[in-house]
Amino acid sequence: MSGNGVNGDMEEFAELLRELKGRTNRSYAALAARSGVSASALHRYCSGASVPGDYEVLARFGRACGAGGEELLELHRRWVLADAERKRAVSRVLGRGVGGSVRGCRGRHGGRLTG
């Protein structure tokens, strides 16, 4: 994949995770036990539905799948790109806000956000 389409970087990231998982012949539950990440989280990452906020989660998954140094480096590269894409998507959604603006929204603790 080129990474230029909608969710391209996230899909390339998920594709690498699926490739790593696929060569292990292990279930999500077995990989979860080996990597210390929940099976449901691993499934979300491999399906492209989610990107973890911390690379260490992926490093543990990669090692559990038998990834070597070069593969872990490539995993990190793809994670950086996918995480940046995820952050841009969140920023677009937050930028719209209610009525197209975040001005006047209240934060979690009741404080006002200024836009």
PDB file of N, CA and C in Angstrom:
ATOM      1  N   MET A   1       0.840  -1.176   0.000  1.00  0.00           N
ATOM      2  CA  MET A   1       0.000   0.000   0.000  1.00  0.00           C
ATOM      3  C   MET A   1       0.881   1.234   0.000  1.00  0.00           C
ATOM      4  N   SER A   2       0.359   2.325  -0.516  1.00  0.00           N
ATOM      5  CA  SER A   2       1.158   3.517  -0.693  1.00  0.00           C
ATOM      6  C   SER A   2       1.166   4.435   0.511  1.00  0.00           C
ATOM      7  N   GLY A   3       0.150   4.373   1.369  1.00  0.00           N
ATOM      8  CA  GLY A   3       0.076   5.283   2.495  1.00  0.00           C
ATOM      9  C   GLY A   3      -0.541   6.617   2.121  1.00  0.00           C
ATOM     10  N   ASN A   4      -0.968   6.779   0.866  1.00  0.00           N
ATOM     11  CA  ASN A   4      -1.521   8.042   0.419  1.00  0.00           C
ATOM     12  C   ASN A   4      -3.038   8.090   0.496  1.00  0.00           C
ATOM     13  N   GLY A   5      -3.706   6.955   0.649  1.00  0.00           N
ATOM     14  CA  GLY A   5      -5.161   6.927   0.687  1.00  0.00           C
ATOM     15  C   GLY A   5      -5.673   7.236   2.072  1.00  0.00           C
ATOM     16  N   VAL A   6      -7.001   7.219   2.186  1.00  0.00           N
ATOM     17  CA  VAL A   6      -7.618   7.426   3.481  1.00  0.00           C
ATOM     18  C   VAL A   6      -7.146   6.320   4.413  1.00  0.00           C
ATOM     19  N   ASN A   7      -6.628   6.705   5.561  1.00  0.00           N
ATOM     20  CA  ASN A   7      -6.110   5.759   6.549  1.00  0.00           C
ATOM     21  C   ASN A   7      -4.986   4.888   5.997  1.00  0.00           C
ATOM     22  N   GLY A   8      -4.249   5.364   5.006  1.00  0.00           N
ATOM     23  CA  GLY A   8      -3.186   4.581   4.386  1.00  0.00           C
ATOM     24  C   GLY A   8      -2.094   4.171   5.349  1.00  0.00           C
ATOM     25  N   ASP A   9      -1.619   5.107   6.154  1.00  0.00           N
ATOM     26  CA  ASP A   9      -0.553   4.777   7.094  1.00  0.00           C
ATOM     27  C   ASP A   9      -1.053   3.834   8.181  1.00  0.00           C
ATOM     28  N   MET A  10      -2.277   4.047   8.616  1.00  0.00           N
ATOM     29  CA  MET A  10      -2.840   3.157   9.630  1.00  0.00           C
ATOM     30  C   MET A  10      -3.027   1.756   9.060  1.00  0.00           C
ATOM     31  N   GLU A  11      -3.433   1.671   7.806  1.00  0.00           N
ATOM     32  CA  GLU A  11      -3.624   0.356   7.190  1.00  0.00           C
ATOM     33  C   GLU A  11      -2.286  -0.346   6.979  1.00  0.00           C
ATOM     34  N   GLU A  12      -1.264   0.380   6.569  1.00  0.00           N
ATOM     35  CA  GLU A  12       0.061  -0.234   6.407  1.00  0.00           C
ATOM     36  C   GLU A  12       0.591  -0.736   7.747  1.00  0.00           C
ATOM     37  N   PHE A  13       0.341   0.027   8.780  1.00  0.00           N
ATOM     38  CA  PHE A  13       0.730  -0.360  10.136  1.00  0.00           C
ATOM     39  C   PHE A  13       0.017  -1.655  10.530  1.00  0.00           C
ATOM     40  N   ALA A  14      -1.298  -1.694  10.338  1.00  0.00           N
ATOM     41  CA  ALA A  14      -2.087  -2.884  10.683  1.00  0.00           C
ATOM     42  C   ALA A  14      -1.648  -4.080   9.843  1.00  0.00           C
ATOM     43  N   GLU A  15      -1.320  -3.829   8.590  1.00  0.00           N
ATOM     44  CA  GLU A  15      -0.882  -4.907   7.701  1.00  0.00           C
ATOM     45  C   GLU A  15       0.401  -5.563   8.229  1.00  0.00           C
ATOM     46  N   LEU A  16       1.328  -4.757   8.707  1.00  0.00           N
ATOM     47  CA  LEU A  16       2.564  -5.313   9.269  1.00  0.00           C
ATOM     48  C   LEU A  16       2.264  -6.116  10.532  1.00  0.00           C
ATOM     49  N   LEU A  17       1.390  -5.607  11.370  1.00  0.00           N
ATOM     50  CA  LEU A  17       1.021  -6.356  12.580  1.00  0.00           C
ATOM     51  C   LEU A  17       0.399  -7.699  12.223  1.00  0.00           C
ATOM     52  N   ARG A  18      -0.479  -7.698  11.226  1.00  0.00           N
ATOM     53  CA  ARG A  18      -1.115  -8.957  10.803  1.00  0.00           C
ATOM     54  C   ARG A  18      -0.071  -9.923  10.240  1.00  0.00           C
ATOM     55  N   GLU A  19       0.897  -9.387   9.515  1.00  0.00           N
ATOM     56  CA  GLU A  19       1.965 -10.225   8.965  1.00  0.00           C
ATOM     57  C   GLU A  19       2.786 -10.859  10.099  1.00  0.00           C
ATOM     58  N   LEU A  20       3.137 -10.063  11.099  1.00  0.00           N
ATOM     59  CA  LEU A  20       3.892 -10.596  12.236  1.00  0.00           C
ATOM     60  C   LEU A  20       3.080 -11.661  12.968  1.00  0.00           C
ATOM     61  N   LYS A  21       1.815 -11.361  13.229  1.00  0.00           N
ATOM     62  CA  LYS A  21       0.961 -12.323  13.933  1.00  0.00           C
ATOM     63  C   LYS A  21       0.788 -13.596  13.118  1.00  0.00           C
ATOM     64  N   GLY A  22       0.571 -13.436  11.820  1.00  0.00           N
ATOM     65  CA  GLY A  22       0.285 -14.569  10.946  1.00  0.00           C
ATOM     66  C   GLY A  22       1.388 -15.607  10.897  1.00  0.00           C
ATOM     67  N   ARG A  23       2.603 -15.186  11.033  1.00  0.00           N
ATOM     68  CA  ARG A  23       3.691 -16.156  10.940  1.00  0.00           C
ATOM     69  C   ARG A  23       3.933 -16.902  12.248  1.00  0.00           C
ATOM     70  N   THR A  24       3.225 -16.524  13.304  1.00  0.00           N
ATOM     71  CA  THR A  24       3.410 -17.205  14.591  1.00  0.00           C
ATOM     72  C   THR A  24       2.491 -18.405  14.772  1.00  0.00           C
ATOM     73  N   ASN A  25       1.363 -18.421  14.083  1.00  0.00           N
ATOM     74  CA  ASN A  25       0.332 -19.445  14.287  1.00  0.00           C
ATOM     75  C   ASN A  25      -0.179 -19.442  15.726  1.00  0.00           C
ATOM     76  N   ARG A  26      -0.107 -18.288  16.377  1.00  0.00           N
ATOM     77  CA  ARG A  26      -0.625 -18.155  17.743  1.00  0.00           C
ATOM     78  C   ARG A  26      -1.898 -17.328  17.725  1.00  0.00           C
ATOM     79  N   SER A  27      -2.760 -17.601  18.666  1.00  0.00           N
ATOM     80  CA  SER A  27      -4.004 -16.846  18.801  1.00  0.00           C
ATOM     81  C   SER A  27      -3.703 -15.479  19.423  1.00  0.00           C
ATOM     82  N   TYR A  28      -4.688 -14.587  19.340  1.00  0.00           N
ATOM     83  CA  TYR A  28      -4.544 -13.297  20.012  1.00  0.00           C
ATOM     84  C   TYR A  28      -4.344 -13.503  21.510  1.00  0.00           C
ATOM     85  N   ALA A  29      -5.056 -14.459  22.079  1.00  0.00           N
ATOM     86  CA  ALA A  29      -4.937 -14.719  23.518  1.00  0.00           C
ATOM     87  C   ALA A  29      -3.530 -15.178  23.880  1.00  0.00           C
ATOM     88  N   ALA A  30      -2.953 -16.053  23.067  1.00  0.00           N
ATOM     89  CA  ALA A  30      -1.593 -16.536  23.342  1.00  0.00           C
ATOM     90  C   ALA A  30      -0.581 -15.401  23.211  1.00  0.00           C
ATOM     91  N   LEU A  31      -0.733 -14.561  22.194  1.00  0.00           N
ATOM     92  CA  LEU A  31       0.175 -13.429  22.025  1.00  0.00           C
ATOM     93  C   LEU A  31      -0.021 -12.389  23.124  1.00  0.00           C
ATOM     94  N   ALA A  32      -1.266 -12.236  23.570  1.00  0.00           N
ATOM     95  CA  ALA A  32      -1.545 -11.315  24.671  1.00  0.00           C
ATOM     96  C   ALA A  32      -0.809 -11.757  25.936  1.00  0.00           C
ATOM     97  N   ALA A  33      -0.853 -13.057  26.209  1.00  0.00           N
ATOM     98  CA  ALA A  33      -0.176 -13.580  27.392  1.00  0.00           C
ATOM     99  C   ALA A  33       1.337 -13.374  27.300  1.00  0.00           C
ATOM    100  N   ARG A  34       1.890 -13.508  26.109  1.00  0.00           N
ATOM    101  CA  ARG A  34       3.332 -13.345  25.915  1.00  0.00           C
ATOM    102  C   ARG A  34       3.778 -11.888  25.921  1.00  0.00           C
ATOM    103  N   SER A  35       2.875 -10.981  25.519  1.00  0.00           N
ATOM    104  CA  SER A  35       3.278  -9.582  25.366  1.00  0.00           C
ATOM    105  C   SER A  35       2.735  -8.649  26.439  1.00  0.00           C
ATOM    106  N   GLY A  36       1.807  -9.138  27.257  1.00  0.00           N
ATOM    107  CA  GLY A  36       1.258  -8.298  28.312  1.00  0.00           C
ATOM    108  C   GLY A  36       0.264  -7.260  27.805  1.00  0.00           C
ATOM    109  N   VAL A  37      -0.331  -7.519  26.654  1.00  0.00           N
ATOM    110  CA  VAL A  37      -1.335  -6.639  26.057  1.00  0.00           C
ATOM    111  C   VAL A  37      -2.604  -7.466  25.913  1.00  0.00           C
ATOM    112  N   SER A  38      -3.763  -6.866  26.133  1.00  0.00           N
ATOM    113  CA  SER A  38      -4.985  -7.650  26.046  1.00  0.00           C
ATOM    114  C   SER A  38      -5.213  -8.162  24.625  1.00  0.00           C
ATOM    115  N   ALA A  39      -5.864  -9.296  24.536  1.00  0.00           N
ATOM    116  CA  ALA A  39      -6.173  -9.881  23.235  1.00  0.00           C
ATOM    117  C   ALA A  39      -7.066  -8.952  22.425  1.00  0.00           C
ATOM    118  N   SER A  40      -8.022  -8.289  23.072  1.00  0.00           N
ATOM    119  CA  SER A  40      -8.912  -7.388  22.343  1.00  0.00           C
ATOM    120  C   SER A  40      -8.156  -6.179  21.803  1.00  0.00           C
ATOM    121  N   ALA A  41      -7.193  -5.662  22.564  1.00  0.00           N
ATOM    122  CA  ALA A  41      -6.383  -4.546  22.068  1.00  0.00           C
ATOM    123  C   ALA A  41      -5.546  -4.991  20.873  1.00  0.00           C
ATOM    124  N   LEU A  42      -4.930  -6.160  20.962  1.00  0.00           N
ATOM    125  CA  LEU A  42      -4.148  -6.666  19.834  1.00  0.00           C
ATOM    126  C   LEU A  42      -5.021  -6.809  18.590  1.00  0.00           C
ATOM    127  N   HIS A  43      -6.227  -7.294  18.774  1.00  0.00           N
ATOM    128  CA  HIS A  43      -7.143  -7.446  17.641  1.00  0.00           C
ATOM    129  C   HIS A  43      -7.465  -6.089  17.031  1.00  0.00           C
ATOM    130  N   ARG A  44      -7.721  -5.088  17.856  1.00  0.00           N
ATOM    131  CA  ARG A  44      -8.007  -3.738  17.347  1.00  0.00           C
ATOM    132  C   ARG A  44      -6.818  -3.183  16.563  1.00  0.00           C
ATOM    133  N   TYR A  45      -5.607  -3.406  17.063  1.00  0.00           N
ATOM    134  CA  TYR A  45      -4.412  -2.912  16.363  1.00  0.00           C
ATOM    135  C   TYR A  45      -4.232  -3.630  15.027  1.00  0.00           C
ATOM    136  N   CYS A  46      -4.396  -4.943  15.038  1.00  0.00           N
ATOM    137  CA  CYS A  46      -4.194  -5.731  13.814  1.00  0.00           C
ATOM    138  C   CYS A  46      -5.284  -5.480  12.773  1.00  0.00           C
ATOM    139  N   SER A  47      -6.465  -5.093  13.210  1.00  0.00           N
ATOM    140  CA  SER A  47      -7.553  -4.821  12.266  1.00  0.00           C
ATOM    141  C   SER A  47      -7.506  -3.392  11.745  1.00  0.00           C
ATOM    142  N   GLY A  48      -6.665  -2.561  12.348  1.00  0.00           N
ATOM    143  CA  GLY A  48      -6.579  -1.168  11.924  1.00  0.00           C
ATOM    144  C   GLY A  48      -7.598  -0.267  12.590  1.00  0.00           C
ATOM    145  N   ALA A  49      -8.328  -0.797  13.560  1.00  0.00           N
ATOM    146  CA  ALA A  49      -9.348  -0.011  14.247  1.00  0.00           C
ATOM    147  C   ALA A  49      -8.756   0.944  15.277  1.00  0.00           C
ATOM    148  N   SER A  50      -7.519   0.691  15.696  1.00  0.00           N
ATOM    149  CA  SER A  50      -6.913   1.481  16.757  1.00  0.00           C
ATOM    150  C   SER A  50      -5.399   1.473  16.610  1.00  0.00           C
ATOM    151  N   VAL A  51      -4.767   2.515  17.137  1.00  0.00           N
ATOM    152  CA  VAL A  51      -3.308   2.621  17.173  1.00  0.00           C
ATOM    153  C   VAL A  51      -2.935   2.920  18.621  1.00  0.00           C
ATOM    154  N   PRO A  52      -2.029   2.135  19.210  1.00  0.00           N
ATOM    155  CA  PRO A  52      -1.672   2.413  20.600  1.00  0.00           C
ATOM    156  C   PRO A  52      -0.908   3.724  20.715  1.00  0.00           C
ATOM    157  N   GLY A  53      -1.037   4.384  21.846  1.00  0.00           N
ATOM    158  CA  GLY A  53      -0.329   5.635  22.073  1.00  0.00           C
ATOM    159  C   GLY A  53       1.107   5.442  22.494  1.00  0.00           C
ATOM    160  N   ASP A  54       1.504   4.203  22.754  1.00  0.00           N
ATOM    161  CA  ASP A  54       2.847   3.909  23.265  1.00  0.00           C
ATOM    162  C   ASP A  54       3.490   2.817  22.420  1.00  0.00           C
ATOM    163  N   TYR A  55       4.679   3.075  21.918  1.00  0.00           N
ATOM    164  CA  TYR A  55       5.363   2.089  21.080  1.00  0.00           C
ATOM    165  C   TYR A  55       5.761   0.839  21.868  1.00  0.00           C
ATOM    166  N   GLU A  56       6.045   0.963  23.145  1.00  0.00           N
ATOM    167  CA  GLU A  56       6.514  -0.195  23.933  1.00  0.00           C
ATOM    168  C   GLU A  56       5.531  -1.357  23.844  1.00  0.00           C
ATOM    169  N   VAL A  57       4.242  -1.063  23.778  1.00  0.00           N
ATOM    170  CA  VAL A  57       3.214  -2.093  23.605  1.00  0.00           C
ATOM    171  C   VAL A  57       3.514  -2.904  22.349  1.00  0.00           C
ATOM    172  N   LEU A  58       3.860  -2.200  21.282  1.00  0.00           N
ATOM    173  CA  LEU A  58       4.138  -2.851  20.003  1.00  0.00           C
ATOM    174  C   LEU A  58       5.462  -3.589  20.008  1.00  0.00           C
ATOM    175  N   ALA A  59       6.443  -3.044  20.697  1.00  0.00           N
ATOM    176  CA  ALA A  59       7.738  -3.721  20.783  1.00  0.00           C
ATOM    177  C   ALA A  59       7.563  -5.079  21.462  1.00  0.00           C
ATOM    178  N   ARG A  60       6.764  -5.119  22.525  1.00  0.00           N
ATOM    179  CA  ARG A  60       6.518  -6.402  23.201  1.00  0.00           C
ATOM    180  C   ARG A  60       5.792  -7.368  22.275  1.00  0.00           C
ATOM    181  N   PHE A  61       4.784  -6.855  21.540  1.00  0.00           N
ATOM    182  CA  PHE A  61       4.063  -7.687  20.582  1.00  0.00           C
ATOM    183  C   PHE A  61       5.020  -8.199  19.510  1.00  0.00           C
ATOM    184  N   GLY A  62       5.835  -7.311  18.963  1.00  0.00           N
ATOM    185  CA  GLY A  62       6.787  -7.698  17.924  1.00  0.00           C
ATOM    186  C   GLY A  62       7.741  -8.775  18.396  1.00  0.00           C
ATOM    187  N   ARG A  63       8.270  -8.604  19.590  1.00  0.00           N
ATOM    188  CA  ARG A  63       9.191  -9.622  20.139  1.00  0.00           C
ATOM    189  C   ARG A  63       8.463 -10.944  20.364  1.00  0.00           C
ATOM    190  N   ALA A  64       7.207 -10.879  20.816  1.00  0.00           N
ATOM    191  CA  ALA A  64       6.425 -12.106  21.009  1.00  0.00           C
ATOM    192  C   ALA A  64       6.190 -12.829  19.689  1.00  0.00           C
ATOM    193  N   CYS A  65       6.212 -12.068  18.595  1.00  0.00           N
ATOM    194  CA  CYS A  65       6.034 -12.646  17.255  1.00  0.00           C
ATOM    195  C   CYS A  65       7.365 -13.044  16.625  1.00  0.00           C
ATOM    196  N   GLY A  66       8.462 -12.829  17.334  1.00  0.00           N
ATOM    197  CA  GLY A  66       9.771 -13.217  16.823  1.00  0.00           C
ATOM    198  C   GLY A  66      10.437 -12.174  15.935  1.00  0.00           C
ATOM    199  N   ALA A  67       9.982 -10.929  15.983  1.00  0.00           N
ATOM    200  CA  ALA A  67      10.568  -9.877  15.154  1.00  0.00           C
ATOM    201  C   ALA A  67      12.000  -9.583  15.609  1.00  0.00           C
ATOM    202  N   GLY A  68      12.870  -9.383  14.624  1.00  0.00           N
ATOM    203  CA  GLY A  68      14.246  -9.008  14.886  1.00  0.00           C
ATOM    204  C   GLY A  68      14.403  -7.495  14.904  1.00  0.00           C
ATOM    205  N   GLY A  69      15.636  -7.047  15.031  1.00  0.00           N
ATOM    206  CA  GLY A  69      15.929  -5.618  15.135  1.00  0.00           C
ATOM    207  C   GLY A  69      15.417  -4.792  13.975  1.00  0.00           C
ATOM    208  N   GLU A  70      15.650  -5.240  12.754  1.00  0.00           N
ATOM    209  CA  GLU A  70      15.192  -4.496  11.571  1.00  0.00           C
ATOM    210  C   GLU A  70      13.667  -4.440  11.511  1.00  0.00           C
ATOM    211  N   GLU A  71      13.030  -5.540  11.861  1.00  0.00           N
ATOM    212  CA  GLU A  71      11.563  -5.564  11.847  1.00  0.00           C
ATOM    213  C   GLU A  71      10.991  -4.655  12.932  1.00  0.00           C
ATOM    214  N   LEU A  72      11.626  -4.627  14.084  1.00  0.00           N
ATOM    215  CA  LEU A  72      11.163  -3.738  15.148  1.00  0.00           C
ATOM    216  C   LEU A  72      11.348  -2.281  14.743  1.00  0.00           C
ATOM    217  N   LEU A  73      12.421  -1.990  14.031  1.00  0.00           N
ATOM    218  CA  LEU A  73      12.647  -0.633  13.530  1.00  0.00           C
ATOM    219  C   LEU A  73      11.560  -0.248  12.518  1.00  0.00           C
ATOM    220  N   GLU A  74      11.228  -1.163  11.618  1.00  0.00           N
ATOM    221  CA  GLU A  74      10.161  -0.915  10.643  1.00  0.00           C
ATOM    222  C   GLU A  74       8.809  -0.782  11.343  1.00  0.00           C
ATOM    223  N   LEU A  75       8.584  -1.581  12.371  1.00  0.00           N
ATOM    224  CA  LEU A  75       7.352  -1.483  13.145  1.00  0.00           C
ATOM    225  C   LEU A  75       7.261  -0.106  13.787  1.00  0.00           C
ATOM    226  N   HIS A  76       8.376   0.386  14.324  1.00  0.00           N
ATOM    227  CA  HIS A  76       8.391   1.715  14.938  1.00  0.00           C
ATOM    228  C   HIS A  76       8.104   2.795  13.892  1.00  0.00           C
ATOM    229  N   ARG A  77       8.719   2.673  12.725  1.00  0.00           N
ATOM    230  CA  ARG A  77       8.508   3.653  11.662  1.00  0.00           C
ATOM    231  C   ARG A  77       7.029   3.711  11.268  1.00  0.00           C
ATOM    232  N   ARG A  78       6.435   2.547  11.082  1.00  0.00           N
ATOM    233  CA  ARG A  78       5.024   2.521  10.686  1.00  0.00           C
ATOM    234  C   ARG A  78       4.120   3.007  11.807  1.00  0.00           C
ATOM    235  N   TRP A  79       4.493   2.725  13.056  1.00  0.00           N
ATOM    236  CA  TRP A  79       3.704   3.208  14.188  1.00  0.00           C
ATOM    237  C   TRP A  79       3.732   4.732  14.243  1.00  0.00           C
ATOM    238  N   VAL A  80       4.906   5.335  14.037  1.00  0.00           N
ATOM    239  CA  VAL A  80       5.015   6.794  14.058  1.00  0.00           C
ATOM    240  C   VAL A  80       4.080   7.405  13.014  1.00  0.00           C
ATOM    241  N   LEU A  81       4.088   6.854  11.809  1.00  0.00           N
ATOM    242  CA  LEU A  81       3.222   7.366  10.739  1.00  0.00           C
ATOM    243  C   LEU A  81       1.743   7.155  11.055  1.00  0.00           C
ATOM    244  N   ALA A  82       1.394   5.977  11.543  1.00  0.00           N
ATOM    245  CA  ALA A  82      -0.004   5.677  11.866  1.00  0.00           C
ATOM    246  C   ALA A  82      -0.491   6.531  13.029  1.00  0.00           C
ATOM    247  N   ASP A  83       0.366   6.731  14.029  1.00  0.00           N
ATOM    248  CA  ASP A  83      -0.015   7.542  15.180  1.00  0.00           C
ATOM    249  C   ASP A  83      -0.222   8.996  14.761  1.00  0.00           C
ATOM    250  N   ALA A  84       0.627   9.487  13.866  1.00  0.00           N
ATOM    251  CA  ALA A  84       0.455  10.855  13.359  1.00  0.00           C
ATOM    252  C   ALA A  84      -0.861  10.972  12.594  1.00  0.00           C
ATOM    253  N   GLU A  85      -1.192   9.964  11.807  1.00  0.00           N
ATOM    254  CA  GLU A  85      -2.459   9.970  11.070  1.00  0.00           C
ATOM    255  C   GLU A  85      -3.642   9.956  12.033  1.00  0.00           C
ATOM    256  N   ARG A  86      -3.536   9.144  13.089  1.00  0.00           N
ATOM    257  CA  ARG A  86      -4.598   9.080  14.097  1.00  0.00           C
ATOM    258  C   ARG A  86      -4.770  10.436  14.767  1.00  0.00           C
ATOM    259  N   LYS A  87      -3.671  11.090  15.102  1.00  0.00           N
ATOM    260  CA  LYS A  87      -3.745  12.395  15.763  1.00  0.00           C
ATOM    261  C   LYS A  87      -4.349  13.455  14.845  1.00  0.00           C
ATOM    262  N   ARG A  88      -4.026  13.405  13.550  1.00  0.00           N
ATOM    263  CA  ARG A  88      -4.625  14.348  12.598  1.00  0.00           C
ATOM    264  C   ARG A  88      -6.133  14.137  12.525  1.00  0.00           C
ATOM    265  N   ALA A  89      -6.562  12.873  12.520  1.00  0.00           N
ATOM    266  CA  ALA A  89      -7.993  12.576  12.455  1.00  0.00           C
ATOM    267  C   ALA A  89      -8.706  13.090  13.698  1.00  0.00           C
ATOM    268  N   VAL A  90      -8.122  12.887  14.861  1.00  0.00           N
ATOM    269  CA  VAL A  90      -8.716  13.372  16.110  1.00  0.00           C
ATOM    270  C   VAL A  90      -8.764  14.888  16.096  1.00  0.00           C
ATOM    271  N   SER A  91      -7.714  15.503  15.628  1.00  0.00           N
ATOM    272  CA  SER A  91      -7.662  16.960  15.567  1.00  0.00           C
ATOM    273  C   SER A  91      -8.744  17.524  14.658  1.00  0.00           C
ATOM    274  N   ARG A  92      -8.977  16.856  13.523  1.00  0.00           N
ATOM    275  CA  ARG A  92     -10.039  17.307  12.608  1.00  0.00           C
ATOM    276  C   ARG A  92     -11.395  17.226  13.293  1.00  0.00           C
ATOM    277  N   VAL A  93     -11.638  16.135  13.999  1.00  0.00           N
ATOM    278  CA  VAL A  93     -12.926  15.956  14.678  1.00  0.00           C
ATOM    279  C   VAL A  93     -13.084  16.991  15.782  1.00  0.00           C
ATOM    280  N   LEU A  94     -12.051  17.183  16.586  1.00  0.00           N
ATOM    281  CA  LEU A  94     -12.131  18.156  17.677  1.00  0.00           C
ATOM    282  C   LEU A  94     -12.223  19.581  17.148  1.00  0.00           C
ATOM    283  N   GLY A  95     -11.584  19.831  16.031  1.00  0.00           N
ATOM    284  CA  GLY A  95     -11.621  21.161  15.432  1.00  0.00           C
ATOM    285  C   GLY A  95     -13.006  21.556  14.971  1.00  0.00           C
ATOM    286  N   ARG A  96     -13.802  20.571  14.580  1.00  0.00           N
ATOM    287  CA  ARG A  96     -15.172  20.848  14.151  1.00  0.00           C
ATOM    288  C   ARG A  96     -16.029  21.234  15.337  1.00  0.00           C
ATOM    289  N   GLY A  97     -15.895  20.474  16.431  1.00  0.00           N
ATOM    290  CA  GLY A  97     -16.690  20.740  17.620  1.00  0.00           C
ATOM    291  C   GLY A  97     -18.179  20.784  17.323  1.00  0.00           C
ATOM    292  N   VAL A  98     -18.936  21.260  18.263  1.00  0.00           N
ATOM    293  CA  VAL A  98     -20.377  21.431  18.069  1.00  0.00           C
ATOM    294  C   VAL A  98     -20.569  22.755  17.356  1.00  0.00           C
ATOM    295  N   GLY A  99     -21.238  22.736  16.236  1.00  0.00           N
ATOM    296  CA  GLY A  99     -21.457  23.959  15.476  1.00  0.00           C
ATOM    297  C   GLY A  99     -20.202  24.457  14.792  1.00  0.00           C
ATOM    298  N   GLY A 100     -19.182  23.590  14.654  1.00  0.00           N
ATOM    299  CA  GLY A 100     -17.977  23.959  13.926  1.00  0.00           C
ATOM    300  C   GLY A 100     -16.923  24.645  14.763  1.00  0.00           C
ATOM    301  N   SER A 101     -17.093  24.751  16.074  1.00  0.00           N
ATOM    302  CA  SER A 101     -16.122  25.452  16.904  1.00  0.00           C
ATOM    303  C   SER A 101     -15.983  24.767  18.250  1.00  0.00           C
ATOM    304  N   VAL A 102     -14.781  24.841  18.816  1.00  0.00           N
ATOM    305  CA  VAL A 102     -14.584  24.311  20.167  1.00  0.00           C
ATOM    306  C   VAL A 102     -14.674  25.428  21.201  1.00  0.00           C
ATOM    307  N   ARG A 103     -14.813  26.665  20.755  1.00  0.00           N
ATOM    308  CA  ARG A 103     -14.893  27.794  21.682  1.00  0.00           C
ATOM    309  C   ARG A 103     -16.091  27.605  22.616  1.00  0.00           C
ATOM    310  N   GLY A 104     -15.834  27.775  23.891  1.00  0.00           N
ATOM    311  CA  GLY A 104     -16.911  27.683  24.851  1.00  0.00           C
ATOM    312  C   GLY A 104     -17.201  26.280  25.361  1.00  0.00           C
ATOM    313  N   CYS A 105     -16.457  25.280  24.905  1.00  0.00           N
ATOM    314  CA  CYS A 105     -16.674  23.913  25.387  1.00  0.00           C
ATOM    315  C   CYS A 105     -16.130  23.794  26.798  1.00  0.00           C
ATOM    316  N   ARG A 106     -16.714  22.949  27.551  1.00  0.00           N
ATOM    317  CA  ARG A 106     -16.218  22.691  28.903  1.00  0.00           C
ATOM    318  C   ARG A 106     -15.366  21.438  28.888  1.00  0.00           C
ATOM    319  N   GLY A 107     -14.242  21.476  29.593  1.00  0.00           N
ATOM    320  CA  GLY A 107     -13.366  20.316  29.718  1.00  0.00           C
ATOM    321  C   GLY A 107     -13.918  19.330  30.719  1.00  0.00           C
ATOM    322  N   ARG A 108     -13.163  18.296  30.959  1.00  0.00           N
ATOM    323  CA  ARG A 108     -13.575  17.226  31.866  1.00  0.00           C
ATOM    324  C   ARG A 108     -13.901  17.728  33.262  1.00  0.00           C
ATOM    325  N   HIS A 109     -13.165  18.712  33.709  1.00  0.00           N
ATOM    326  CA  HIS A 109     -13.315  19.176  35.085  1.00  0.00           C
ATOM    327  C   HIS A 109     -14.063  20.512  35.162  1.00  0.00           C
ATOM    328  N   GLY A 110     -14.812  20.825  34.106  1.00  0.00           N
ATOM    329  CA  GLY A 110     -15.645  22.024  34.127  1.00  0.00           C
ATOM    330  C   GLY A 110     -14.919  23.291  33.700  1.00  0.00           C
ATOM    331  N   GLY A 111     -13.616  23.227  33.473  1.00  0.00           N
ATOM    332  CA  GLY A 111     -12.877  24.394  33.038  1.00  0.00           C
ATOM    333  C   GLY A 111     -13.231  24.756  31.604  1.00  0.00           C
ATOM    334  N   ARG A 112     -13.137  26.021  31.294  1.00  0.00           N
ATOM    335  CA  ARG A 112     -13.484  26.448  29.928  1.00  0.00           C
ATOM    336  C   ARG A 112     -12.269  26.324  29.035  1.00  0.00           C
ATOM    337  N   LEU A 113     -12.527  25.846  27.825  1.00  0.00           N
ATOM    338  CA  LEU A 113     -11.497  25.788  26.794  1.00  0.00           C
ATOM    339  C   LEU A 113     -11.658  27.030  25.947  1.00  0.00           C
ATOM    340  N   THR A 114     -10.568  27.631  25.548  1.00  0.00           N
ATOM    341  CA  THR A 114     -10.681  28.781  24.670  1.00  0.00           C
ATOM    342  C   THR A 114     -10.246  28.373  23.289  1.00  0.00           C
ATOM    343  N   GLY A 115     -10.865  28.899  22.290  1.00  0.00           N
ATOM    344  CA  GLY A 115     -10.580  28.468  20.929  1.00  0.00           C
ATOM    345  C   GLY A 115      -9.980  29.479  20.098  1.00  0.00           C
TER     346      GLY A 115
END
